[in-house]
C-alpha atoms as a PDB file:
ATOM      1  CA  MET A   1      21.690  17.136  -7.252  1.00  0.00           C
ATOM      2  CA  GLU A   2      20.263  16.167 -10.841  1.00  0.00           C
ATOM      3  CA  LYS A   3      16.414  16.195 -10.583  1.00  0.00           C
ATOM      4  CA  THR A   4      14.183  14.169 -12.799  1.00  0.00           C
ATOM      5  CA  SER A   5      11.117  15.953 -14.053  1.00  0.00           C
ATOM      6  CA  ASP A   6       7.417  14.614 -14.512  1.00  0.00           C
ATOM      7  CA  SER A   7       7.779  15.056 -18.196  1.00  0.00           C
ATOM      8  CA  GLN A   8      10.758  12.707 -18.497  1.00  0.00           C
ATOM      9  CA  GLN A   9       9.485  10.230 -15.913  1.00  0.00           C
ATOM     10  CA  LYS A  10       8.537   6.879 -18.195  1.00  0.00           C
ATOM     11  CA  THR A  11       6.964   3.829 -17.093  1.00  0.00           C
ATOM     12  CA  SER A  12       8.676   0.671 -17.939  1.00  0.00           C
ATOM     13  CA  ASN A  13       8.593  -2.414 -20.435  1.00  0.00           C
ATOM     14  CA  GLY A  14       7.958  -0.662 -22.869  1.00  0.00           C
ATOM     15  CA  VAL A  15       4.144   1.414 -22.022  1.00  0.00           C
ATOM     16  CA  GLU A  16       3.938   4.347 -23.589  1.00  0.00           C
ATOM     17  CA  ASP A  17       4.719   7.497 -21.419  1.00  0.00           C
ATOM     18  CA  TYR A  18       1.724   8.094 -18.705  1.00  0.00           C
ATOM     19  CA  LEU A  19       2.105  11.624 -19.316  1.00  0.00           C
ATOM     20  CA  THR A  20       0.156  12.103 -21.831  1.00  0.00           C
ATOM     21  CA  ASP A  21      -1.379  15.212 -23.315  1.00  0.00           C
ATOM     22  CA  GLU A  22      -4.722  14.884 -21.249  1.00  0.00           C
ATOM     23  CA  ILE A  23      -2.774  14.348 -18.065  1.00  0.00           C
ATOM     24  CA  GLN A  24      -0.338  17.117 -18.551  1.00  0.00           C
ATOM     25  CA  GLU A  25      -3.186  19.471 -18.982  1.00  0.00           C
ATOM     26  CA  LEU A  26      -4.547  18.537 -16.133  1.00  0.00           C
ATOM     27  CA  LEU A  27      -1.847  18.643 -13.948  1.00  0.00           C
ATOM     28  CA  SER A  28      -1.219  22.264 -14.963  1.00  0.00           C
ATOM     29  CA  THR A  29      -4.293  22.874 -13.266  1.00  0.00           C
ATOM     30  CA  LEU A  30      -3.872  21.251 -10.096  1.00  0.00           C
ATOM     31  CA  PRO A  31      -2.181  22.725  -6.656  1.00  0.00           C
ATOM     32  CA  ARG A  32       1.233  21.059  -6.404  1.00  0.00           C
ATOM     33  CA  GLU A  33       3.338  20.610  -3.168  1.00  0.00           C
ATOM     34  CA  LYS A  34       6.998  19.041  -2.772  1.00  0.00           C
ATOM     35  CA  SER A  35       6.736  15.016  -1.367  1.00  0.00           C
ATOM     36  CA  PHE A  36       9.342  13.475   0.838  1.00  0.00           C
ATOM     37  CA  ASP A  37      11.696  12.720  -1.880  1.00  0.00           C
ATOM     38  CA  GLY A  38      11.738  16.007  -3.549  1.00  0.00           C
ATOM     39  CA  SER A  39       9.195  15.207  -6.506  1.00  0.00           C
ATOM     40  CA  TYR A  40       5.978  16.934  -6.443  1.00  0.00           C
ATOM     41  CA  LEU A  41       2.409  15.930  -5.692  1.00  0.00           C
ATOM     42  CA  TYR A  42      -0.800  17.220  -6.691  1.00  0.00           C
ATOM     43  CA  GLN A  43      -3.625  17.829  -5.274  1.00  0.00           C
ATOM     44  CA  TYR A  44      -6.727  15.888  -6.877  1.00  0.00           C
ATOM     45  CA  GLN A  45     -10.029  14.661  -5.649  1.00  0.00           C
ATOM     46  CA  GLY A  46      -9.238  16.144  -2.003  1.00  0.00           C
ATOM     47  CA  PHE A  47      -5.763  13.903  -1.881  1.00  0.00           C
ATOM     48  CA  TRP A  48      -2.266  14.250  -3.074  1.00  0.00           C
ATOM     49  CA  TYR A  49      -0.871  12.045  -5.841  1.00  0.00           C
ATOM     50  CA  ARG A  50       2.364  11.204  -8.011  1.00  0.00           C
ATOM     51  CA  SER A  51       1.655  12.350 -11.484  1.00  0.00           C
ATOM     52  CA  ILE A  52       1.966   8.716 -12.388  1.00  0.00           C
ATOM     53  CA  TYR A  53      -0.842   7.761  -9.743  1.00  0.00           C
ATOM     54  CA  ILE A  54      -2.839  10.153 -11.134  1.00  0.00           C
ATOM     55  CA  ALA A  55      -2.962   8.863 -14.302  1.00  0.00           C
ATOM     56  CA  GLY A  56      -3.202   5.323 -12.970  1.00  0.00           C
ATOM     57  CA  MET A  57      -5.917   6.194 -11.456  1.00  0.00           C
ATOM     58  CA  ILE A  58      -7.593   7.930 -14.215  1.00  0.00           C
ATOM     59  CA  SER A  59      -6.616   4.979 -16.388  1.00  0.00           C
ATOM     60  CA  ALA A  60      -8.180   2.138 -13.574  1.00  0.00           C
ATOM     61  CA  HIS A  61     -11.605   4.400 -13.604  1.00  0.00           C
ATOM     62  CA  ARG A  62     -11.384   3.688 -17.506  1.00  0.00           C
ATOM     63  CA  HIS A  63     -10.155   0.229 -17.890  1.00  0.00           C
ATOM     64  CA  PHE A  64     -10.298  -1.908 -14.884  1.00  0.00           C
ATOM     65  CA  GLN A  65     -12.845  -4.078 -14.312  1.00  0.00           C
ATOM     66  CA  ALA A  66     -13.633  -5.700 -10.683  1.00  0.00           C
ATOM     67  CA  ARG A  67     -15.444  -8.711 -10.971  1.00  0.00           C
ATOM     68  CA  ASP A  68     -17.413 -10.814  -8.000  1.00  0.00           C
ATOM     69  CA  SER A  69     -14.806 -12.942  -7.263  1.00  0.00           C
ATOM     70  CA  ASP A  70     -11.537 -10.468  -7.365  1.00  0.00           C
ATOM     71  CA  THR A  71     -10.099  -9.333  -3.587  1.00  0.00           C
ATOM     72  CA  ILE A  72      -8.475  -5.628  -3.757  1.00  0.00           C
ATOM     73  CA  LEU A  73      -5.536  -5.146  -1.062  1.00  0.00           C
ATOM     74  CA  ILE A  74      -5.565  -1.391   0.256  1.00  0.00           C
ATOM     75  CA  THR A  75      -3.331   0.851   2.075  1.00  0.00           C
ATOM     76  CA  CYS A  76      -1.997   4.164   2.909  1.00  0.00           C
ATOM     77  CA  PRO A  77       1.689   4.038   1.672  1.00  0.00           C
ATOM     78  CA  LYS A  78       3.691   1.957   4.264  1.00  0.00           C
ATOM     79  CA  SER A  79       0.755   0.355   6.346  1.00  0.00           C
ATOM     80  CA  GLY A  80       2.035  -3.440   5.452  1.00  0.00           C
ATOM     81  CA  THR A  81       1.077  -3.464   2.140  1.00  0.00           C
ATOM     82  CA  THR A  82       3.644  -5.984   0.988  1.00  0.00           C
ATOM     83  CA  TRP A  83       2.572  -8.325   4.174  1.00  0.00           C
ATOM     84  CA  LEU A  84      -0.839  -7.680   3.689  1.00  0.00           C
ATOM     85  CA  LYS A  85       0.040  -8.709  -0.370  1.00  0.00           C
ATOM     86  CA  ALA A  86       2.026 -12.017   0.757  1.00  0.00           C
ATOM     87  CA  LEU A  87      -0.174 -13.508   3.561  1.00  0.00           C
ATOM     88  CA  THR A  88      -3.583 -13.356   0.890  1.00  0.00           C
ATOM     89  CA  TYR A  89      -1.838 -14.525  -1.719  1.00  0.00           C
ATOM     90  CA  ALA A  90      -0.380 -17.695   0.284  1.00  0.00           C
ATOM     91  CA  THR A  91      -3.785 -17.692   1.997  1.00  0.00           C
ATOM     92  CA  VAL A  92      -5.728 -17.833  -1.112  1.00  0.00           C
ATOM     93  CA  HIS A  93      -3.168 -20.107  -3.025  1.00  0.00           C
ATOM     94  CA  ARG A  94      -2.569 -22.581  -0.146  1.00  0.00           C
ATOM     95  CA  SER A  95      -4.177 -25.399  -2.190  1.00  0.00           C
ATOM     96  CA  ARG A  96      -2.681 -24.226  -5.754  1.00  0.00           C
ATOM     97  CA  TYR A  97       0.867 -24.207  -3.926  1.00  0.00           C
ATOM     98  CA  ALA A  98       2.675 -26.074  -1.186  1.00  0.00           C
ATOM     99  CA  ILE A  99       4.349 -23.745   1.322  1.00  0.00           C
ATOM    100  CA  GLU A 100       7.843 -25.098  -0.355  1.00  0.00           C
ATOM    101  CA  HIS A 101       6.959 -24.458  -3.879  1.00  0.00           C
ATOM    102  CA  SER A 102       5.295 -21.074  -3.013  1.00  0.00           C
ATOM    103  CA  PRO A 103       5.608 -18.415  -5.820  1.00  0.00           C
ATOM    104  CA  LEU A 104       6.544 -16.190  -2.608  1.00  0.00           C
ATOM    105  CA  LEU A 105       9.697 -17.546  -2.332  1.00  0.00           C
ATOM    106  CA  THR A 106      11.259 -16.561  -5.607  1.00  0.00           C
ATOM    107  CA  THR A 107       9.218 -13.470  -6.403  1.00  0.00           C
ATOM    108  CA  ASN A 108       8.109 -10.203  -4.764  1.00  0.00           C
ATOM    109  CA  PRO A 109       4.813  -9.836  -3.441  1.00  0.00           C
ATOM    110  CA  HIS A 110       4.186  -6.862  -5.533  1.00  0.00           C
ATOM    111  CA  GLU A 111       4.470  -8.714  -8.890  1.00  0.00           C
ATOM    112  CA  LEU A 112       2.120 -11.347  -7.601  1.00  0.00           C
ATOM    113  CA  VAL A 113      -0.396  -8.669  -6.487  1.00  0.00           C
ATOM    114  CA  PRO A 114      -0.469  -6.092  -9.019  1.00  0.00           C
ATOM    115  CA  PHE A 115      -1.192  -2.170  -8.410  1.00  0.00           C
ATOM    116  CA  ILE A 116      -4.028  -1.224 -10.485  1.00  0.00           C
ATOM    117  CA  ASP A 117      -3.127   2.430  -9.826  1.00  0.00           C
ATOM    118  CA  HIS A 118       0.088   2.232 -11.280  1.00  0.00           C
ATOM    119  CA  PRO A 119       0.502   2.448 -15.528  1.00  0.00           C
ATOM    120  CA  ALA A 120       3.854  -0.214 -15.626  1.00  0.00           C
ATOM    121  CA  TYR A 121       0.777  -2.758 -14.147  1.00  0.00           C
ATOM    122  CA  TYR A 122      -1.621  -2.254 -16.798  1.00  0.00           C
ATOM    123  CA  LEU A 123      -0.097  -4.608 -19.599  1.00  0.00           C
ATOM    124  CA  LYS A 124       0.330  -7.016 -16.547  1.00  0.00           C
ATOM    125  CA  ILE A 125      -3.174  -7.187 -15.446  1.00  0.00           C
ATOM    126  CA  ASN A 126      -4.695  -7.048 -18.849  1.00  0.00           C
ATOM    127  CA  GLN A 127      -2.456 -10.174 -20.386  1.00  0.00           C
ATOM    128  CA  SER A 128      -3.280 -12.238 -16.576  1.00  0.00           C
ATOM    129  CA  PRO A 129      -6.983 -12.579 -16.759  1.00  0.00           C
ATOM    130  CA  THR A 130      -6.429 -15.173 -14.034  1.00  0.00           C
ATOM    131  CA  THR A 131      -5.521 -12.755 -11.788  1.00  0.00           C
ATOM    132  CA  SER A 132      -7.591 -12.313  -9.137  1.00  0.00           C
ATOM    133  CA  ILE A 133      -5.687 -10.378  -6.095  1.00  0.00           C
ATOM    134  CA  PHE A 134      -4.832  -6.974  -6.878  1.00  0.00           C
ATOM    135  CA  GLY A 135      -3.751  -3.938  -4.692  1.00  0.00           C
ATOM    136  CA  THR A 136      -3.881  -0.127  -4.870  1.00  0.00           C
ATOM    137  CA  HIS A 137      -3.820   2.754  -2.134  1.00  0.00           C
ATOM    138  CA  ILE A 138      -6.868   4.955  -3.831  1.00  0.00           C
ATOM    139  CA  PRO A 139      -8.687   6.709  -1.144  1.00  0.00           C
ATOM    140  CA  TYR A 140     -12.165   4.345  -0.953  1.00  0.00           C
ATOM    141  CA  SER A 141     -13.790   7.925  -2.398  1.00  0.00           C
ATOM    142  CA  SER A 142     -11.766   7.586  -5.763  1.00  0.00           C
ATOM    143  CA  LEU A 143     -11.920   4.232  -6.336  1.00  0.00           C
ATOM    144  CA  PRO A 144     -12.994   2.444  -9.596  1.00  0.00           C
ATOM    145  CA  HIS A 145     -17.104   2.289 -10.143  1.00  0.00           C
ATOM    146  CA  SER A 146     -16.469  -0.993 -10.266  1.00  0.00           C
ATOM    147  CA  VAL A 147     -14.810  -2.241  -7.245  1.00  0.00           C
ATOM    148  CA  VAL A 148     -17.880  -0.180  -5.501  1.00  0.00           C
ATOM    149  CA  ASP A 149     -20.667  -1.489  -7.016  1.00  0.00           C
ATOM    150  CA  SER A 150     -19.344  -5.056  -7.902  1.00  0.00           C
ATOM    151  CA  ASN A 151     -19.203  -8.003  -4.913  1.00  0.00           C
ATOM    152  CA  CYS A 152     -15.639  -8.116  -4.806  1.00  0.00           C
ATOM    153  CA  ARG A 153     -13.844  -8.058  -1.636  1.00  0.00           C
ATOM    154  CA  ILE A 154     -12.072  -5.444  -0.121  1.00  0.00           C
ATOM    155  CA  VAL A 155      -9.323  -5.725   2.500  1.00  0.00           C
ATOM    156  CA  TYR A 156      -8.050  -2.744   4.181  1.00  0.00           C
ATOM    157  CA  MET A 157      -4.967  -2.568   6.750  1.00  0.00           C
ATOM    158  CA  CYS A 158      -4.295   0.690   8.439  1.00  0.00           C
ATOM    159  CA  ARG A 159      -0.872   1.693  10.758  1.00  0.00           C
ATOM    160  CA  ASN A 160      -0.834   3.859  13.498  1.00  0.00           C
ATOM    161  CA  PRO A 161       0.034   7.242  12.235  1.00  0.00           C
ATOM    162  CA  LEU A 162       3.457   8.078  14.075  1.00  0.00           C
ATOM    163  CA  ASP A 163       4.894   4.765  12.409  1.00  0.00           C
ATOM    164  CA  GLN A 164       3.537   5.200   9.146  1.00  0.00           C
ATOM    165  CA  PHE A 165       4.761   8.344   8.647  1.00  0.00           C
ATOM    166  CA  ILE A 166       8.483   7.483   9.839  1.00  0.00           C
ATOM    167  CA  SER A 167       8.287   4.309   7.397  1.00  0.00           C
ATOM    168  CA  HIS A 168       6.616   6.646   4.623  1.00  0.00           C
ATOM    169  CA  TRP A 169       9.293   9.317   4.961  1.00  0.00           C
ATOM    170  CA  HIS A 170      12.241   6.615   5.302  1.00  0.00           C
ATOM    171  CA  PHE A 171      11.001   4.738   2.063  1.00  0.00           C
ATOM    172  CA  MET A 172      11.028   8.075  -0.164  1.00  0.00           C
ATOM    173  CA  LEU A 173      14.728   8.561   1.234  1.00  0.00           C
ATOM    174  CA  LYS A 174      15.559   5.748  -0.361  1.00  0.00           C
ATOM    175  CA  ILE A 175      13.862   6.756  -3.295  1.00  0.00           C
ATOM    176  CA  ALA A 176      15.397  10.139  -3.688  1.00  0.00           C
ATOM    177  CA  GLN A 177      18.860   8.676  -3.143  1.00  0.00           C
ATOM    178  CA  ASP A 178      18.259   5.844  -6.059  1.00  0.00           C
ATOM    179  CA  ARG A 179      17.163   9.274  -8.351  1.00  0.00           C
ATOM    180  CA  LYS A 180      19.788  11.732  -7.196  1.00  0.00           C
ATOM    181  CA  MET A 181      17.298  14.011  -5.934  1.00  0.00           C
ATOM    182  CA  GLU A 182      16.807  16.452  -2.806  1.00  0.00           C
ATOM    183  CA  PRO A 183      14.469  15.035  -0.224  1.00  0.00           C
ATOM    184  CA  LEU A 184      13.179  16.936   2.351  1.00  0.00           C
ATOM    185  CA  SER A 185      14.565  16.875   6.144  1.00  0.00           C
ATOM    186  CA  LEU A 186      12.515  14.972   8.547  1.00  0.00           C
ATOM    187  CA  GLU A 187      11.237  18.570  10.245  1.00  0.00           C
ATOM    188  CA  GLU A 188      10.154  19.150   6.452  1.00  0.00           C
ATOM    189  CA  ALA A 189       8.427  15.852   6.246  1.00  0.00           C
ATOM    190  CA  PHE A 190       6.491  16.492   9.341  1.00  0.00           C
ATOM    191  CA  GLU A 191       5.535  20.080   8.713  1.00  0.00           C
ATOM    192  CA  SER A 192       3.888  18.454   5.478  1.00  0.00           C
ATOM    193  CA  VAL A 193       2.310  15.260   7.034  1.00  0.00           C
ATOM    194  CA  SER A 194       0.866  17.710   9.753  1.00  0.00           C
ATOM    195  CA  ASN A 195      -0.640  19.469   6.932  1.00  0.00           C
ATOM    196  CA  GLY A 196      -2.066  16.193   5.548  1.00  0.00           C
ATOM    197  CA  ILE A 197       0.409  16.557   2.570  1.00  0.00           C
ATOM    198  CA  GLN A 198       2.207  13.012   1.834  1.00  0.00           C
ATOM    199  CA  GLY A 199       1.329  10.746  -1.042  1.00  0.00           C
ATOM    200  CA  PHE A 200      -2.200   9.040  -0.716  1.00  0.00           C
ATOM    201  CA  GLY A 201      -3.058  11.763   2.129  1.00  0.00           C
ATOM    202  CA  PRO A 202      -4.450  13.480   4.272  1.00  0.00           C
ATOM    203  CA  PHE A 203      -3.604  10.508   5.911  1.00  0.00           C
ATOM    204  CA  TRP A 204      -6.811  10.645   8.142  1.00  0.00           C
ATOM    205  CA  GLU A 205      -9.111  11.059   5.374  1.00  0.00           C
ATOM    206  CA  HIS A 206      -7.456   8.034   3.964  1.00  0.00           C
ATOM    207  CA  VAL A 207      -8.235   5.789   7.383  1.00  0.00           C
ATOM    208  CA  LEU A 208     -11.948   7.164   7.918  1.00  0.00           C
ATOM    209  CA  GLY A 209     -12.883   6.866   4.276  1.00  0.00           C
ATOM    210  CA  TYR A 210     -12.682   2.830   4.716  1.00  0.00           C
ATOM    211  CA  TRP A 211     -13.253   2.880   8.153  1.00  0.00           C
ATOM    212  CA  LYS A 212     -17.021   4.242   8.016  1.00  0.00           C
ATOM    213  CA  ALA A 213     -17.473   2.299   4.871  1.00  0.00           C
ATOM    214  CA  SER A 214     -16.201  -0.797   6.885  1.00  0.00           C
ATOM    215  CA  LEU A 215     -18.898  -0.392   9.359  1.00  0.00           C
ATOM    216  CA  ASP A 216     -21.458   0.303   6.820  1.00  0.00           C
ATOM    217  CA  ASN A 217     -20.734  -2.800   4.648  1.00  0.00           C
ATOM    218  CA  PRO A 218     -18.843  -5.368   6.869  1.00  0.00           C
ATOM    219  CA  HIS A 219     -19.335  -8.036   4.260  1.00  0.00           C
ATOM    220  CA  LYS A 220     -17.648  -6.421   1.604  1.00  0.00           C
ATOM    221  CA  ILE A 221     -14.947  -4.685   3.477  1.00  0.00           C
ATOM    222  CA  LEU A 222     -12.470  -6.224   6.459  1.00  0.00           C
ATOM    223  CA  PHE A 223     -10.685  -3.194   8.341  1.00  0.00           C
ATOM    224  CA  LEU A 224      -7.431  -4.672   9.693  1.00  0.00           C
ATOM    225  CA  LYS A 225      -4.838  -2.519  11.781  1.00  0.00           C
ATOM    226  CA  TYR A 226      -1.144  -3.411  11.199  1.00  0.00           C
ATOM    227  CA  GLU A 227      -0.728  -3.673  15.278  1.00  0.00           C
ATOM    228  CA  ASP A 228      -3.307  -6.127  16.201  1.00  0.00           C
ATOM    229  CA  VAL A 229      -2.097  -8.482  13.136  1.00  0.00           C
ATOM    230  CA  ILE A 230       1.289  -8.135  14.258  1.00  0.00           C
ATOM    231  CA  GLU A 231       0.302  -9.301  17.434  1.00  0.00           C
ATOM    232  CA  ASN A 232      -1.705 -12.616  16.929  1.00  0.00           C
ATOM    233  CA  THR A 233      -1.091 -13.376  13.351  1.00  0.00           C
ATOM    234  CA  LEU A 234      -2.480 -16.594  13.647  1.00  0.00           C
ATOM    235  CA  PHE A 235      -5.863 -14.922  14.560  1.00  0.00           C
ATOM    236  CA  TYR A 236      -5.973 -12.779  12.046  1.00  0.00           C
ATOM    237  CA  VAL A 237      -4.636 -15.177   8.796  1.00  0.00           C
ATOM    238  CA  LYS A 238      -7.825 -17.206  10.061  1.00  0.00           C
ATOM    239  CA  LYS A 239      -9.872 -14.377   9.890  1.00  0.00           C
ATOM    240  CA  LEU A 240      -8.933 -13.187   6.477  1.00  0.00           C
ATOM    241  CA  ALA A 241      -9.231 -16.309   5.351  1.00  0.00           C
ATOM    242  CA  GLU A 242     -13.022 -16.764   6.087  1.00  0.00           C
ATOM    243  CA  PHE A 243     -13.716 -13.227   5.237  1.00  0.00           C
ATOM    244  CA  LEU A 244     -12.428 -14.312   1.825  1.00  0.00           C
ATOM    245  CA  GLY A 245     -14.364 -17.497   1.562  1.00  0.00           C
ATOM    246  CA  CYS A 246     -11.661 -20.175   1.767  1.00  0.00           C
ATOM    247  CA  PRO A 247     -11.723 -21.038   5.611  1.00  0.00           C
ATOM    248  CA  PHE A 248      -9.019 -23.217   6.984  1.00  0.00           C
ATOM    249  CA  SER A 249     -10.486 -26.557   7.389  1.00  0.00           C
ATOM    250  CA  ASP A 250     -10.242 -28.332  10.691  1.00  0.00           C
ATOM    251  CA  VAL A 251      -7.578 -30.616   8.800  1.00  0.00           C
ATOM    252  CA  GLU A 252      -5.165 -27.929   7.967  1.00  0.00           C
ATOM    253  CA  GLU A 253      -5.652 -26.499  11.411  1.00  0.00           C
ATOM    254  CA  LYS A 254      -4.070 -29.640  13.227  1.00  0.00           C
ATOM    255  CA  LEU A 255      -1.505 -29.475  10.519  1.00  0.00           C
ATOM    256  CA  GLY A 256      -0.338 -26.238  11.382  1.00  0.00           C
ATOM    257  CA  VAL A 257      -1.016 -24.802   8.002  1.00  0.00           C
ATOM    258  CA  ILE A 258      -2.091 -21.520   9.126  1.00  0.00           C
ATOM    259  CA  GLU A 259       1.383 -21.625  11.003  1.00  0.00           C
ATOM    260  CA  GLU A 260       2.951 -22.208   7.947  1.00  0.00           C
ATOM    261  CA  ILE A 261       1.569 -19.429   5.881  1.00  0.00           C
ATOM    262  CA  SER A 262       2.515 -17.248   8.907  1.00  0.00           C
ATOM    263  CA  LYS A 263       6.030 -18.129   9.206  1.00  0.00           C
ATOM    264  CA  LEU A 264       6.241 -17.950   4.971  1.00  0.00           C
ATOM    265  CA  CYS A 265       4.952 -14.569   5.117  1.00  0.00           C
ATOM    266  CA  SER A 266       6.936 -13.302   8.554  1.00  0.00           C
ATOM    267  CA  PHE A 267       9.061 -10.353   8.124  1.00  0.00           C
ATOM    268  CA  GLU A 268      12.007 -11.980   8.796  1.00  0.00           C
ATOM    269  CA  ASN A 269      11.559 -14.765   6.577  1.00  0.00           C
ATOM    270  CA  MET A 270      10.465 -12.346   3.657  1.00  0.00           C
ATOM    271  CA  LYS A 271      13.407 -10.214   4.455  1.00  0.00           C
ATOM    272  CA  ASP A 272      16.142 -12.764   3.683  1.00  0.00           C
ATOM    273  CA  LEU A 273      14.585 -14.245   0.250  1.00  0.00           C
ATOM    274  CA  GLU A 274      17.105 -13.637  -2.079  1.00  0.00           C
ATOM    275  CA  VAL A 275      14.386 -12.323  -4.773  1.00  0.00           C
ATOM    276  CA  ASN A 276      14.094  -9.398  -2.024  1.00  0.00           C
ATOM    277  CA  LYS A 277      17.744  -8.585  -1.305  1.00  0.00           C
ATOM    278  CA  THR A 278      18.373  -8.026  -5.213  1.00  0.00           C
ATOM    279  CA  GLY A 279      16.749  -6.561  -7.577  1.00  0.00           C
ATOM    280  CA  ARG A 280      13.829  -3.977  -8.353  1.00  0.00           C
ATOM    281  CA  LEU A 281      10.220  -3.737  -8.582  1.00  0.00           C
ATOM    282  CA  LEU A 282       9.903  -2.381 -12.044  1.00  0.00           C
ATOM    283  CA  PRO A 283      13.064  -3.338 -14.742  1.00  0.00           C
ATOM    284  CA  ASP A 284      14.305  -0.027 -15.278  1.00  0.00           C
ATOM    285  CA  ARG A 285      13.654   2.945 -12.337  1.00  0.00           C
ATOM    286  CA  GLY A 286      11.225   1.165 -10.152  1.00  0.00           C
ATOM    287  CA  PRO A 287      12.040   0.990  -6.099  1.00  0.00           C
ATOM    288  CA  LYS A 288      14.532  -1.782  -5.125  1.00  0.00           C
ATOM    289  CA  ASN A 289      12.505  -4.816  -3.535  1.00  0.00           C
ATOM    290  CA  SER A 290      15.125  -4.485  -0.618  1.00  0.00           C
ATOM    291  CA  ASP A 291      13.411  -0.893   0.071  1.00  0.00           C
ATOM    292  CA  PHE A 292      10.025  -2.786   0.828  1.00  0.00           C
ATOM    293  CA  PHE A 293      12.019  -4.549   3.909  1.00  0.00           C
ATOM    294  CA  ARG A 294      13.268  -1.806   6.329  1.00  0.00           C
ATOM    295  CA  LYS A 295      12.309  -2.885   9.923  1.00  0.00           C
ATOM    296  CA  GLY A 296       8.732  -3.680  10.386  1.00  0.00           C
ATOM    297  CA  LYS A 297       8.434  -2.722  14.098  1.00  0.00           C
ATOM    298  CA  VAL A 298       5.570  -1.074  16.086  1.00  0.00           C
ATOM    299  CA  GLY A 299       6.846   1.810  17.902  1.00  0.00           C
ATOM    300  CA  ASP A 300      10.185   2.507  15.877  1.00  0.00           C
ATOM    301  CA  TRP A 301       8.845   6.543  15.324  1.00  0.00           C
ATOM    302  CA  THR A 302      10.112   6.894  19.173  1.00  0.00           C
ATOM    303  CA  ASN A 303      13.510   6.687  17.786  1.00  0.00           C
ATOM    304  CA  TYR A 304      12.707   9.634  15.203  1.00  0.00           C
ATOM    305  CA  LEU A 305      10.417  11.756  16.344  1.00  0.00           C
ATOM    306  CA  THR A 306      11.135  14.259  19.198  1.00  0.00           C
ATOM    307  CA  SER A 307       8.816  14.786  21.808  1.00  0.00           C
ATOM    308  CA  ALA A 308       7.676  17.929  20.446  1.00  0.00           C
ATOM    309  CA  MET A 309       6.672  16.338  17.120  1.00  0.00           C
ATOM    310  CA  SER A 310       5.013  13.325  18.523  1.00  0.00           C
ATOM    311  CA  GLU A 311       2.592  14.905  20.778  1.00  0.00           C
ATOM    312  CA  SER A 312       1.474  17.342  18.003  1.00  0.00           C
ATOM    313  CA  LEU A 313       0.718  14.512  15.729  1.00  0.00           C
ATOM    314  CA  LYS A 314      -0.895  12.749  18.568  1.00  0.00           C
ATOM    315  CA  ILE A 315      -2.936  15.951  18.936  1.00  0.00           C
ATOM    316  CA  LEU A 316      -3.789  16.120  15.688  1.00  0.00           C
ATOM    317  CA  MET A 317      -4.732  12.416  15.296  1.00  0.00           C
ATOM    318  CA  ASP A 318      -6.872  12.719  18.497  1.00  0.00           C
ATOM    319  CA  GLU A 319      -8.768  15.520  16.642  1.00  0.00           C
ATOM    320  CA  LYS A 320      -9.155  14.378  13.384  1.00  0.00           C
ATOM    321  CA  PHE A 321     -10.430  10.629  14.375  1.00  0.00           C
ATOM    322  CA  SER A 322     -12.676  12.469  17.307  1.00  0.00           C
ATOM    323  CA  GLY A 323     -16.057  10.177  17.268  1.00  0.00           C
ATOM    324  CA  SER A 324     -14.793   7.518  14.938  1.00  0.00           C
ATOM    325  CA  GLY A 325     -14.498   5.016  17.134  1.00  0.00           C
ATOM    326  CA  LEU A 326     -11.204   4.376  15.828  1.00  0.00           C
ATOM    327  CA  THR A 327      -7.629   4.196  17.638  1.00  0.00           C
ATOM    328  CA  PHE A 328      -4.165   3.193  17.532  1.00  0.00           C
ATOM    329  CA  LYS A 329      -1.547   1.335  19.042  1.00  0.00           C
ATOM    330  CA  LEU A 330       1.204   3.117  19.346  1.00  0.00           C
ATOM    331  CA  SER A 331       3.712   0.950  20.584  1.00  0.00           C
END
């Protein structure tokens, strides 16, 4: 299969090639390993990234200025990112848009809540000064200083490591197929993730960074678990609104506004929307919108991992999270 090299990759919408001489020189000094889709990941500041995200992180550090009124949504990839963006957007903007006129009905959540760590979104962020909700996968230790030092709110959602791995692998398989690249087999990907090598990994370091920060500063960081939000969506939508400073009124609760938002943003509803069945996140080479909606189920890992694989990963995660007080629901 033909492979696209890093030097050939471009961002969309006329944004200048992100691989500047500075970035190219930096990449040449970094350890690299294969990603699930067959491209390269580079180890930078203790984590593994595709080159485009290293460029994005550096740019975010230099140019992104978080405001006290901003909300930053953060996940490890494939941990409910799209869902969290939709729920937050609908909750924050509920007085601006009636449910039947929500932009979520015609626009993918990633377009409404732009990533700060992707070069293709720089123009969108700069040209939308009213945007107040942003997304990122950046680990806590590498966040832009303005995010850490300001009074902006951070919402972090994690997912159990077995489902996160399987969902991430499937997502990258679709990317590889679309770009005619040779992906890693499930066995190869499992070995990589066991060594901490996956996009924005090691997984345990990413999660623990935000878990510990949330314990130290619960007023700034709301830590959520995907499985808990699935199990009791109404409770957590209400908790999200309270954390963001826009709690639901008694009247809204009686009118069923929380239920309406939960239904609008449900996996089944979002997946069936025309905008999420067609088109791409970025016009020229981004993932298909449909790629962000596979199953969304808890426990899907049982359909793919052998007993030996699952036990090995459970033991590894028990070791990595030992003493942290953080546990996961696997089914």
